[in-house]
Amino acid sequence: MTRLFRSRWNRWLARRIPAAASVRLTQRQIFIIPSQVGAAFALALALMLLAAINYQNSLAYGLTFLLGSVFIVAILHTYRNLAGLELKAGGASAVFVGEQGRFRLRLESTQRAHQAIALGWPPGALQVHDVPAEGVSECELSIATQRRGWLRPGRLRVESRFPLGILLAWSWIDLDQALLVYPRPLAGELPLTAGSDDDQQEQGAHAQGQGTDDFQGLRSYQPGDSKRRMHWKAYSRGQGLLVKDFAALSGRDLCLDFDSLSGDVERRLSLLCHWVLHLSERQQPFALRLPGCQLAQDSGEQHREACLRALALFGSPP
């Protein structure tokens, strides 16, 4: 029964508030009900009215009607605090599994100020922001990532209890946002296939550790060198800042091969993700081979992003 109700509710919302990159809140998108405090307030008014009727007390009548009128006026002001607010999607950057996905939003006011606007995806905590009159407020909302691929957070809850907190005005909007989640990098053996040396390819090489580099010795530190290659033991002995120097393997084309690894799909993708990042940091050209997909040998930022995207979307429908 709950699943049926939720399905019908989502279909009704999709018709009433369709997905869009920009949404302006009007009476069609805003819902309003008494909050828990407001429900207690209404109950107290009912008890005061019964007491006034029972005792025929004019002061009790006056106080009850005064507080009742405050309740009615608060409905209008609570609604107006959301009405006219425009929300725009601001984009999102790709992350790795386990990191917080961050979505940027832009809140704009064309007329009056909007105060104490809460946004978020329940059951997580909501962020509260103020939007100045005819101004802009930018915010960044985070959501946990648990699996690779496209992350679509769903409908965003926007609510306000301003000014008295006795009424809750809210809306569920879909800004049609998504971000790409890469596999979690996992250090391990290098899934290496030699593309230019048949003898080495027949051996089906699996390198351990750094795998793609031959240690050449130590050299003096230069600005821009990776801190991962600092020789801290030499520094502690007073020999100055030294860096481990490696020479890339030559005479072979490096190809990261999915089929050369063992284990389940996610573990293989995590290992490949680690080596994509490592080889890209070393500016070492490499190719990537996945079932049904192969990226030619290359290097650079664009090649790195293309490989990570292929890993993230592996097995997903086109």
Protein backbone atom coordinates (compact mmCIF):
# COMPACT_ATOMS: atom_id res chain seq x y z
CA MET A 1 0.00 0.00 0.00
CA THR A 2 2.83 2.38 0.89
CA ARG A 3 4.67 1.59 -2.35
CA LEU A 4 1.50 2.19 -4.38
CA PHE A 5 0.89 5.53 -2.67
CA ARG A 6 4.50 6.60 -3.20
CA SER A 7 4.35 5.66 -6.87
CA ARG A 8 1.17 7.69 -7.40
CA TRP A 9 2.61 10.60 -5.42
CA ASN A 10 5.76 10.65 -7.57
CA ARG A 11 3.72 10.56 -10.79
CA TRP A 12 1.55 13.41 -9.53
CA LEU A 13 4.64 15.44 -8.59
CA ALA A 14 6.20 14.80 -12.01
CA ARG A 15 3.11 16.27 -13.67
CA ARG A 16 2.75 19.20 -11.30
CA ILE A 17 6.47 20.05 -10.87
CA PRO A 18 8.35 18.64 -13.89
CA ALA A 19 12.13 18.37 -13.91
CA ALA A 20 13.91 21.53 -15.05
CA ALA A 21 17.31 23.17 -14.64
CA SER A 22 15.58 26.27 -13.23
CA VAL A 23 12.41 26.43 -11.11
CA ARG A 24 10.53 29.49 -9.91
CA LEU A 25 8.29 28.74 -6.91
CA THR A 26 4.67 29.80 -7.29
CA GLN A 27 1.40 28.76 -5.68
CA ARG A 28 1.43 25.68 -7.96
CA GLN A 29 4.65 24.33 -6.43
CA ILE A 30 4.22 25.40 -2.78
CA PHE A 31 2.41 23.34 -0.14
CA ILE A 32 1.69 24.54 3.40
CA ILE A 33 0.52 22.84 6.60
CA PRO A 34 0.84 23.57 10.34
CA SER A 35 4.11 22.45 11.87
CA GLN A 36 4.22 20.49 15.12
CA VAL A 37 4.43 23.78 16.99
CA GLY A 38 1.54 25.09 14.90
CA ALA A 39 -0.59 22.03 15.68
CA ALA A 40 0.00 22.57 19.40
CA PHE A 41 -0.83 26.26 18.91
CA ALA A 42 -4.13 25.39 17.17
CA LEU A 43 -5.02 22.94 19.94
CA ALA A 44 -4.35 25.60 22.57
CA LEU A 45 -6.63 28.02 20.67
CA ALA A 46 -9.40 25.43 20.61
CA LEU A 47 -9.09 24.90 24.38
CA MET A 48 -9.09 28.66 24.96
CA LEU A 49 -12.23 29.02 22.86
CA LEU A 50 -13.99 26.28 24.85
CA ALA A 51 -12.98 27.96 28.09
CA ALA A 52 -14.25 31.32 26.82
CA ILE A 53 -17.58 29.78 25.82
CA ASN A 54 -17.90 27.97 29.13
CA TYR A 55 -17.16 31.01 31.29
CA GLN A 56 -18.54 33.66 28.89
CA ASN A 57 -15.38 35.69 29.40
CA SER A 58 -14.92 38.57 26.97
CA LEU A 59 -11.16 38.81 27.58
CA ALA A 60 -10.77 35.12 26.79
CA TYR A 61 -12.77 35.61 23.58
CA GLY A 62 -10.61 38.59 22.60
CA LEU A 63 -7.33 36.79 23.25
CA THR A 64 -8.48 33.69 21.36
CA PHE A 65 -9.59 35.64 18.30
CA LEU A 66 -6.43 37.76 18.38
CA LEU A 67 -4.19 34.70 18.39
CA GLY A 68 -6.37 33.07 15.74
CA SER A 69 -5.91 36.08 13.47
CA VAL A 70 -2.14 35.87 14.01
CA PHE A 71 -2.29 32.25 12.88
CA ILE A 72 -4.18 33.21 9.70
CA VAL A 73 -1.83 36.10 8.88
CA ALA A 74 1.16 33.78 9.44
CA ILE A 75 -0.15 31.53 6.64
CA LEU A 76 0.24 34.36 4.15
CA HIS A 77 3.68 35.42 5.35
CA THR A 78 5.02 31.85 5.43
CA TYR A 79 3.82 31.31 1.88
CA ARG A 80 5.26 34.63 0.68
CA ASN A 81 8.67 33.69 2.05
CA LEU A 82 8.92 30.93 -0.58
CA ALA A 83 6.84 32.45 -3.38
CA GLY A 84 8.93 34.02 -6.12
CA LEU A 85 12.16 32.28 -5.13
CA GLU A 86 14.04 30.93 -8.16
CA LEU A 87 16.37 27.94 -7.88
CA LYS A 88 18.92 27.09 -10.56
CA ALA A 89 21.21 24.09 -10.95
CA GLY A 90 24.87 25.07 -10.77
CA GLY A 91 26.55 21.86 -11.89
CA ALA A 92 28.60 19.24 -10.07
CA SER A 93 32.10 17.76 -10.31
CA ALA A 94 32.88 14.06 -10.60
CA VAL A 95 33.99 12.22 -7.44
CA PHE A 96 35.14 8.75 -6.42
CA VAL A 97 33.01 6.19 -4.60
CA GLY A 98 32.96 6.98 -0.88
CA GLU A 99 33.45 10.72 -1.33
CA GLN A 100 30.74 13.32 -0.89
CA GLY A 101 29.06 14.35 -4.10
CA ARG A 102 28.64 18.13 -4.17
CA PHE A 103 25.90 19.87 -6.11
CA ARG A 104 26.00 23.64 -6.58
CA LEU A 105 22.76 25.62 -6.44
CA ARG A 106 21.94 29.24 -7.10
CA LEU A 107 19.06 30.94 -5.28
CA GLU A 108 17.77 34.16 -6.80
CA SER A 109 15.23 36.72 -5.63
CA THR A 110 13.56 39.07 -8.10
CA GLN A 111 11.72 41.14 -5.47
CA ARG A 112 11.63 40.68 -1.70
CA ALA A 113 14.08 38.90 0.56
CA HIS A 114 13.65 35.24 1.44
CA GLN A 115 14.80 34.26 4.91
CA ALA A 116 15.69 30.93 6.53
CA ILE A 117 15.25 28.83 3.38
CA ALA A 118 16.15 25.20 4.13
CA LEU A 119 17.32 22.87 1.35
CA GLY A 120 18.48 19.29 1.18
CA TRP A 121 17.68 15.65 0.56
CA PRO A 122 15.99 13.98 3.55
CA PRO A 123 16.78 12.11 5.71
CA GLY A 124 19.98 14.16 5.63
CA ALA A 125 20.21 17.51 7.37
CA LEU A 126 18.94 20.57 5.52
CA GLN A 127 21.09 23.66 4.92
CA VAL A 128 19.58 27.03 5.78
CA HIS A 129 20.26 30.10 3.63
CA ASP A 130 19.02 33.68 3.37
CA VAL A 131 18.47 35.32 0.00
CA PRO A 132 18.65 39.14 -0.05
CA ALA A 133 16.06 41.22 -1.89
CA GLU A 134 16.82 41.24 -5.63
CA GLY A 135 19.98 39.32 -4.79
CA VAL A 136 21.63 35.95 -5.16
CA SER A 137 22.73 33.27 -2.71
CA GLU A 138 24.90 30.36 -3.82
CA CYS A 139 25.20 27.12 -1.89
CA GLU A 140 26.69 23.66 -2.21
CA LEU A 141 24.75 20.59 -1.09
CA SER A 142 26.49 17.27 -0.43
CA ILE A 143 25.25 13.71 -0.67
CA ALA A 144 27.04 10.42 0.03
CA THR A 145 28.14 8.26 -2.92
CA GLN A 146 27.88 4.49 -2.61
CA ARG A 147 28.21 3.15 -6.16
CA ARG A 148 29.88 4.15 -9.41
CA GLY A 149 28.04 5.57 -12.39
CA TRP A 150 25.65 8.47 -12.65
CA LEU A 151 24.34 9.78 -9.35
CA ARG A 152 20.95 11.47 -9.57
CA PRO A 153 19.93 12.73 -6.13
CA GLY A 154 16.25 13.03 -6.97
CA ARG A 155 13.85 15.72 -5.84
CA LEU A 156 15.19 18.45 -3.61
CA ARG A 157 13.18 19.53 -0.58
CA VAL A 158 12.84 23.29 -0.11
CA GLU A 159 11.04 24.50 3.01
CA SER A 160 10.49 27.51 5.23
CA ARG A 161 9.03 28.02 8.71
CA PHE A 162 9.60 31.76 8.71
CA PRO A 163 8.41 33.96 10.43
CA LEU A 164 6.77 32.27 13.45
CA GLY A 165 7.56 28.60 13.00
CA ILE A 166 3.95 27.55 13.42
CA LEU A 167 3.49 26.78 9.72
CA LEU A 168 5.58 24.78 7.28
CA ALA A 169 5.71 25.75 3.62
CA TRP A 170 7.60 23.36 1.38
CA SER A 171 8.12 22.11 -2.15
CA TRP A 172 9.75 19.14 -3.90
CA ILE A 173 11.66 20.25 -6.98
CA ASP A 174 13.74 18.32 -9.49
CA LEU A 175 16.60 20.37 -10.92
CA ASP A 176 17.59 17.47 -13.20
CA GLN A 177 21.11 17.28 -11.74
CA ALA A 178 23.56 14.40 -11.97
CA LEU A 179 27.24 13.78 -11.31
CA LEU A 180 29.58 11.01 -12.36
CA VAL A 181 31.00 8.72 -9.68
CA TYR A 182 34.28 6.97 -10.49
CA PRO A 183 35.27 3.62 -8.93
CA ARG A 184 37.17 3.77 -5.64
CA PRO A 185 40.93 3.54 -6.43
CA LEU A 186 42.50 0.35 -5.09
CA ALA A 187 46.26 -0.15 -5.10
CA GLY A 188 47.40 -3.54 -6.35
CA GLU A 189 49.05 -5.40 -9.19
CA LEU A 190 49.41 -3.68 -12.54
CA PRO A 191 47.02 -5.18 -15.14
CA LEU A 192 49.64 -4.88 -17.86
CA THR A 193 49.49 -6.11 -21.44
CA ALA A 194 52.39 -5.37 -23.75
CA GLY A 195 51.21 -4.04 -27.07
CA SER A 196 54.48 -3.94 -28.98
CA ASP A 197 56.54 -6.90 -27.77
CA ASP A 198 55.02 -10.30 -28.58
CA ASP A 199 57.33 -12.21 -26.24
CA GLN A 200 56.41 -10.02 -23.29
CA GLN A 201 52.74 -10.23 -24.21
CA GLU A 202 52.83 -14.01 -24.18
CA GLN A 203 54.27 -13.88 -20.68
CA GLY A 204 51.16 -11.95 -19.53
CA ALA A 205 53.18 -9.69 -17.28
CA HIS A 206 51.80 -8.63 -13.88
CA ALA A 207 54.05 -6.11 -12.21
CA GLN A 208 53.93 -5.48 -8.49
CA GLY A 209 54.34 -2.21 -6.58
CA GLN A 210 55.10 0.75 -8.87
CA GLY A 211 55.21 -1.66 -11.77
CA THR A 212 55.73 0.84 -14.62
CA ASP A 213 59.01 2.38 -13.45
CA ASP A 214 62.61 1.27 -12.98
CA PHE A 215 64.37 2.81 -9.98
CA GLN A 216 67.36 4.83 -11.21
CA GLY A 217 68.61 6.38 -7.95
CA LEU A 218 68.27 9.63 -6.05
CA ARG A 219 68.45 13.20 -7.29
CA SER A 220 68.05 16.65 -5.76
CA TYR A 221 64.55 17.92 -5.14
CA GLN A 222 63.12 20.35 -7.70
CA PRO A 223 59.97 22.44 -7.31
CA GLY A 224 57.00 20.53 -8.67
CA ASP A 225 58.29 17.06 -7.76
CA SER A 226 55.69 14.77 -6.18
CA LYS A 227 55.94 14.48 -2.41
CA ARG A 228 55.23 10.76 -2.74
CA ARG A 229 58.74 10.29 -4.15
CA MET A 230 60.54 12.23 -1.44
CA HIS A 231 63.27 10.21 0.30
CA TRP A 232 62.45 11.16 3.87
CA LYS A 233 65.02 8.85 5.42
CA ALA A 234 67.82 10.69 3.64
CA TYR A 235 66.33 14.00 4.79
CA SER A 236 66.25 12.80 8.41
CA ARG A 237 69.95 11.92 8.12
CA GLY A 238 70.73 15.49 7.09
CA GLN A 239 71.41 14.73 3.43
CA GLY A 240 68.97 17.34 2.19
CA LEU A 241 65.83 16.95 0.10
CA LEU A 242 66.26 14.03 -2.30
CA VAL A 243 63.77 12.50 -4.69
CA LYS A 244 63.58 8.93 -5.93
CA ASP A 245 64.15 8.95 -9.67
CA PHE A 246 62.42 6.42 -11.91
CA ALA A 247 62.74 5.71 -15.59
CA ALA A 248 59.65 4.66 -17.50
CA LEU A 249 59.66 1.30 -19.23
CA SER A 250 60.59 1.64 -22.89
CA GLY A 251 60.19 -0.60 -25.92
CA ARG A 252 56.59 -1.52 -25.10
CA ASP A 253 53.14 0.04 -25.18
CA LEU A 254 51.42 -0.02 -21.83
CA CYS A 255 47.84 -1.29 -21.92
CA LEU A 256 45.71 -1.64 -18.81
CA ASP A 257 43.70 -4.80 -19.47
CA PHE A 258 40.52 -5.70 -17.60
CA ASP A 259 40.77 -9.38 -18.57
CA SER A 260 44.27 -9.74 -17.14
CA LEU A 261 42.93 -9.23 -13.60
CA SER A 262 41.18 -11.64 -11.27
CA GLY A 263 38.33 -11.01 -8.87
CA ASP A 264 34.89 -9.49 -9.23
CA VAL A 265 34.05 -6.65 -11.60
CA GLU A 266 34.18 -3.86 -9.00
CA ARG A 267 37.59 -4.93 -7.72
CA ARG A 268 39.01 -5.00 -11.24
CA LEU A 269 37.62 -1.57 -12.01
CA SER A 270 39.06 -0.19 -8.77
CA LEU A 271 42.51 -1.54 -9.63
CA LEU A 272 42.29 -0.07 -13.11
CA CYS A 273 41.18 3.25 -11.64
CA HIS A 274 44.25 3.33 -9.40
CA TRP A 275 46.62 2.72 -12.28
CA VAL A 276 44.89 5.25 -14.52
CA LEU A 277 45.50 7.89 -11.86
CA HIS A 278 49.06 6.74 -11.20
CA LEU A 279 50.14 6.61 -14.84
CA SER A 280 48.46 9.94 -15.56
CA GLU A 281 50.37 11.52 -12.69
CA ARG A 282 53.59 10.14 -14.18
CA GLN A 283 52.53 11.41 -17.64
CA GLN A 284 53.11 7.87 -18.90
CA PRO A 285 51.17 7.05 -22.10
CA PHE A 286 48.91 4.01 -21.76
CA ALA A 287 45.89 2.36 -23.31
CA LEU A 288 42.81 0.95 -21.58
CA ARG A 289 41.08 -2.24 -22.63
CA LEU A 290 37.63 -3.16 -21.31
CA PRO A 291 35.19 -5.75 -22.63
CA GLY A 292 33.44 -4.00 -25.49
CA CYS A 293 35.53 -0.83 -25.16
CA GLN A 294 39.14 0.08 -25.91
CA LEU A 295 40.85 3.46 -25.59
CA ALA A 296 43.98 3.96 -27.65
CA GLN A 297 47.31 4.77 -26.04
CA ASP A 298 47.56 8.39 -25.05
CA SER A 299 48.35 10.65 -22.10
CA GLY A 300 47.15 13.92 -20.66
CA GLU A 301 44.13 15.23 -18.80
CA GLN A 302 41.60 14.42 -21.52
CA HIS A 303 42.80 10.83 -21.77
CA ARG A 304 42.64 10.48 -17.99
CA GLU A 305 39.07 11.74 -17.89
CA ALA A 306 38.02 9.51 -20.79
CA CYS A 307 39.44 6.44 -19.04
CA LEU A 308 37.83 7.28 -15.70
CA ARG A 309 34.50 7.87 -17.44
CA ALA A 310 34.74 4.51 -19.20
CA LEU A 311 35.44 2.80 -15.87
CA ALA A 312 32.57 4.60 -14.13
CA LEU A 313 30.03 3.70 -16.82
CA PHE A 314 31.25 0.16 -17.50
CA GLY A 315 28.26 -2.19 -17.69
CA SER A 316 25.72 0.65 -17.64
CA PRO A 317 23.13 0.85 -20.38
CA PRO A 318 24.04 3.36 -23.11
